[in-house]
Protein backbone atom coordinates (compact mmCIF):
# COMPACT_ATOMS: atom_id res chain seq x y z
CA MET A 1 106.26 96.10 78.20
CA LYS A 2 107.68 97.75 80.87
CA PRO A 3 105.33 99.96 83.20
CA THR A 4 105.78 103.97 83.45
CA ASP A 5 104.73 106.67 86.22
CA LEU A 6 101.59 107.28 84.25
CA THR A 7 101.10 104.07 82.90
CA LEU A 8 100.73 103.20 86.97
CA GLY A 9 98.85 106.17 87.48
CA VAL A 10 95.72 106.19 85.16
CA ALA A 11 95.61 102.60 85.58
CA LEU A 12 95.34 101.87 89.43
CA GLY A 13 93.28 105.55 90.23
CA LEU A 14 90.84 103.53 87.26
CA LEU A 15 90.89 100.95 89.12
CA ALA A 16 90.37 102.47 92.49
CA GLY A 17 87.63 104.54 91.49
CA TYR A 18 85.68 101.16 89.88
CA VAL A 19 85.95 98.68 92.40
CA ASP A 20 85.13 101.37 95.68
CA THR A 21 81.75 102.95 93.17
CA SER A 22 80.48 99.39 92.32
CA ALA A 23 81.11 97.82 95.78
CA PHE A 24 79.39 101.10 97.30
CA VAL A 25 76.78 100.60 95.37
CA ALA A 26 76.48 96.85 95.60
CA LEU A 27 77.20 96.91 99.68
CA PHE A 28 74.89 98.90 101.40
CA GLY A 29 77.45 102.34 100.80
CA LEU A 30 80.61 100.40 102.00
CA PHE A 31 83.91 102.36 101.19
CA THR A 32 86.00 99.58 100.28
CA ALA A 33 89.44 101.74 98.60
CA HIS A 34 89.70 103.83 101.81
CA VAL A 35 88.35 103.74 105.56
CA THR A 36 87.90 107.29 105.87
CA GLY A 37 84.59 107.58 104.42
CA ASN A 38 83.37 104.29 106.68
CA PHE A 39 84.34 105.70 109.52
CA VAL A 40 81.78 108.49 108.91
CA LEU A 41 79.11 106.28 108.11
CA ILE A 42 79.48 103.87 111.29
CA GLY A 43 79.49 107.61 113.15
CA SER A 44 76.45 108.80 111.48
CA GLU A 45 74.51 105.17 111.81
CA LEU A 46 75.54 105.14 115.51
CA ALA A 47 74.36 108.70 115.74
CA ARG A 48 70.99 107.92 113.92
CA PRO A 49 70.38 104.14 113.78
CA SER A 50 68.39 103.29 110.50
CA HIS A 51 67.84 99.28 111.69
CA ALA A 52 69.55 98.58 108.51
CA GLY A 53 71.91 96.26 109.63
CA VAL A 54 74.93 97.49 107.89
CA LEU A 55 77.43 98.89 110.90
CA PRO A 56 78.85 94.88 110.93
CA LEU A 57 79.37 95.55 107.35
CA LYS A 58 81.21 98.64 107.91
CA PHE A 59 82.87 97.98 110.95
CA LEU A 60 84.63 94.22 109.68
CA ALA A 61 85.75 96.19 106.58
CA ILE A 62 88.09 98.46 108.72
CA PRO A 63 90.05 95.52 109.77
CA ALA A 64 89.73 93.49 106.59
CA PHE A 65 91.28 97.27 105.34
CA ALA A 66 94.03 96.92 108.18
CA ALA A 67 94.78 93.46 107.37
CA GLY A 68 95.69 94.09 103.45
CA VAL A 69 97.93 96.53 104.51
CA VAL A 70 99.78 94.29 107.23
CA VAL A 71 100.39 91.32 104.49
CA ALA A 72 101.59 93.71 101.90
CA ARG A 73 104.06 94.91 104.12
CA LEU A 74 105.24 91.48 105.27
CA MET A 75 105.58 90.77 101.68
CA ASP A 76 107.19 93.98 100.84
CA VAL A 77 110.13 93.04 103.29
CA ARG A 78 110.39 89.44 102.57
CA CYS A 79 110.31 90.43 99.08
CA ALA A 80 113.00 93.04 99.17
CA ARG A 81 115.15 90.71 101.47
CA LEU A 82 115.04 87.93 99.43
CA GLY A 83 116.37 90.38 96.50
CA HIS A 84 113.28 90.02 94.42
CA ASN A 85 111.25 93.76 92.92
CA PRO A 86 108.09 93.50 95.54
CA ALA A 87 105.64 95.20 92.49
CA ARG A 88 104.41 91.89 90.90
CA PRO A 89 103.93 89.82 94.22
CA LEU A 90 102.13 93.06 95.54
CA LEU A 91 99.77 93.08 92.73
CA GLY A 92 99.17 89.65 91.96
CA MET A 93 97.67 89.35 96.19
CA GLN A 94 95.29 92.25 95.15
CA LEU A 95 94.06 90.29 92.22
CA ALA A 96 93.59 87.10 94.18
CA LEU A 97 91.87 89.01 96.60
CA LEU A 98 89.92 90.80 94.39
CA ALA A 99 88.81 87.93 92.40
CA ALA A 100 87.23 86.69 96.00
CA PHE A 101 85.55 89.21 96.20
CA MET A 102 83.65 88.86 92.97
CA VAL A 103 83.27 85.50 93.22
CA ALA A 104 81.41 85.83 97.30
CA GLY A 105 79.78 88.73 95.76
CA VAL A 106 78.43 86.29 92.69
CA LEU A 107 77.16 84.21 95.42
CA ALA A 108 75.49 86.33 97.64
CA SER A 109 73.74 88.17 94.83
CA PRO A 110 71.45 90.19 95.15
CA PRO A 111 72.41 90.78 98.54
CA GLY A 112 69.65 92.06 100.33
CA ASN A 113 70.71 91.28 103.70
CA PRO A 114 73.79 92.85 104.73
CA GLU A 115 74.53 90.51 107.69
CA ALA A 116 74.44 87.49 105.57
CA PRO A 117 78.05 85.73 106.07
CA LEU A 118 78.28 85.75 102.23
CA VAL A 119 77.23 89.62 101.82
CA LEU A 120 80.20 90.56 104.92
CA ALA A 121 82.88 88.29 103.60
CA SER A 122 82.85 89.77 99.99
CA GLY A 123 82.84 93.32 101.88
CA MET A 124 85.80 92.81 103.63
CA LEU A 125 87.52 90.41 100.55
CA GLY A 126 86.66 93.93 98.77
CA ALA A 127 88.64 96.64 101.50
CA ALA A 128 91.39 93.89 102.23
CA ALA A 129 92.12 94.48 98.34
CA MET A 130 92.23 97.76 98.24
CA GLY A 131 93.87 97.70 101.31
CA VAL A 132 96.68 96.42 99.54
CA GLN A 133 96.48 98.67 96.87
CA ASN A 134 97.13 101.52 99.29
CA ALA A 135 99.54 99.74 101.27
CA ALA A 136 101.80 99.13 97.71
CA GLY A 137 101.33 103.04 96.68
CA LYS A 138 102.99 103.75 99.90
CA LEU A 139 105.75 101.27 99.71
CA ARG A 140 106.87 100.75 96.11
CA PHE A 141 104.69 103.53 93.88
CA GLY A 142 105.53 106.76 95.69
CA ARG A 143 106.89 108.26 92.59
CA ILE A 144 103.11 108.27 90.98
CA ALA A 145 100.37 110.23 93.17
CA PRO A 146 98.00 108.77 95.21
CA THR A 147 95.17 106.58 93.30
CA THR A 148 92.87 105.67 96.10
CA VAL A 149 92.43 108.65 97.98
CA MET A 150 91.27 112.13 95.93
CA THR A 151 91.63 114.70 98.22
CA GLY A 152 94.84 115.65 98.65
CA ASN A 153 95.43 115.15 94.98
CA VAL A 154 92.73 117.57 94.76
CA THR A 155 93.82 119.85 96.77
CA GLU A 156 97.55 119.68 94.84
CA LEU A 157 95.40 120.21 91.53
CA LEU A 158 94.39 123.19 92.47
CA ILE A 159 97.31 124.98 94.31
CA ASP A 160 98.99 124.11 90.54
CA MET A 161 96.19 125.30 88.64
CA THR A 162 96.64 128.24 90.54
CA ASP A 163 99.73 128.77 90.02
CA LEU A 164 99.63 128.24 86.26
CA ALA A 165 96.46 130.48 86.03
CA SER A 166 98.88 133.54 87.91
CA GLY A 167 101.99 132.53 85.45
CA ARG A 168 104.19 131.53 89.03
CA ALA A 169 104.52 127.68 87.62
CA THR A 170 107.80 126.65 87.68
CA PRO A 171 108.94 123.47 85.33
CA ALA A 172 108.63 121.67 88.44
CA VAL A 173 104.85 122.80 88.90
CA ARG A 174 103.30 121.90 85.76
CA ALA A 175 105.44 118.46 86.15
CA ARG A 176 103.62 117.78 89.11
CA PHE A 177 100.06 119.02 87.74
CA VAL A 178 100.63 116.27 85.12
CA LYS A 179 101.03 113.54 87.40
CA PHE A 180 98.25 114.17 89.37
CA PHE A 181 95.50 115.06 86.45
CA TRP A 182 95.97 111.59 85.01
CA PRO A 183 95.25 109.84 87.97
CA VAL A 184 92.59 112.19 89.17
CA LEU A 185 90.53 112.00 85.90
CA ALA A 186 91.62 107.74 85.91
CA PHE A 187 89.40 107.70 89.21
CA ALA A 188 86.52 110.18 88.32
CA LEU A 189 86.22 107.92 85.09
CA GLY A 190 86.35 104.99 87.03
CA CYS A 191 83.17 105.64 89.80
CA VAL A 192 80.95 106.41 86.58
CA ALA A 193 82.22 103.30 84.84
CA GLY A 194 81.86 101.09 88.22
CA GLY A 195 78.38 102.45 89.19
CA THR A 196 77.01 101.50 85.80
CA ALA A 197 78.20 98.99 85.08
CA TYR A 198 77.27 97.45 89.08
CA MET A 199 73.67 98.22 87.94
CA THR A 200 73.84 96.14 84.58
CA PHE A 201 75.81 93.36 85.81
CA GLY A 202 76.18 93.19 88.88
CA PHE A 203 79.09 91.99 90.83
CA TRP A 204 80.77 90.47 87.50
CA CYS A 205 81.02 94.09 86.60
CA LEU A 206 84.50 93.26 88.41
CA ALA A 207 86.04 91.14 85.61
CA PRO A 208 86.95 94.18 83.36
CA ALA A 209 88.66 95.68 86.93
CA LEU A 210 90.22 91.95 87.69
CA ALA A 211 91.75 92.05 83.71
CA LEU A 212 93.20 95.44 84.16
CA LEU A 213 94.93 93.85 87.62
CA ALA A 214 95.93 90.76 85.68
CA TRP A 215 97.86 93.49 82.81
CA LEU A 216 99.43 94.99 85.57
CA VAL A 217 100.68 91.76 87.39
CA LEU A 218 102.56 90.93 83.96
CA LEU A 219 103.92 93.71 82.77
CA ASP A 220 107.84 94.16 83.01
CA TRP A 221 108.49 94.92 86.64
CA PRO A 222 111.70 92.96 87.00
CA ALA A 223 112.94 96.12 85.24
CA LEU A 224 111.51 98.37 86.89
CA GLU A 225 113.85 99.98 89.76
CA ALA A 226 111.42 99.69 92.53
CA ALA A 227 111.02 102.88 95.75
CA PRO A 228 112.85 101.44 98.35
CA ALA A 229 110.63 99.87 101.17
CA ALA A 230 110.01 102.16 104.14
CA ALA A 231 111.84 101.96 107.46
């Protein structure tokens, strides 16, 4: 099966919402899919310390996320230099990191101490995995809407909805509305499913996310025309 833009947008949006919410519930409010929330929580903790020991977990998630982005970029450049489509290697790297995240989380369960080594390791692995997805979205999946941070997507949707409701929408606006709508909906559904699944199954709830990502890896990527790597 060849991946389409709609397939990618829905699958990666669902994956990001699912992983980010399950990790947030499991790891003391840690955001794995984006760093903005962690910056806010770090600032809040520094202003009003809770003495819960969560700062190391949130601090370490930021360089782990950055490492995922940097390594993804290096892999993208190398694949492009060799004439290979980087999509499958990038998704494969995310799959490996996400699997390690699940294993570390299972071993750390129940995560009662945010400063425990396995808890810190699981948080860093989850952040690195989602750093790869963020980088892949910029480097190789630029045709689809962003799948990890929804603020810009929702803003675009509301602008387009206003144009649609006022009758000023062009065919391009209608196409853009569809492009952004489905990843946002998938992300929202992933958030609901991820939080519920973690409360029911613990870190084993990441198994469906791994299956979804494995399916994406196995798609017919050589037939996909990859977006050019960023300069």
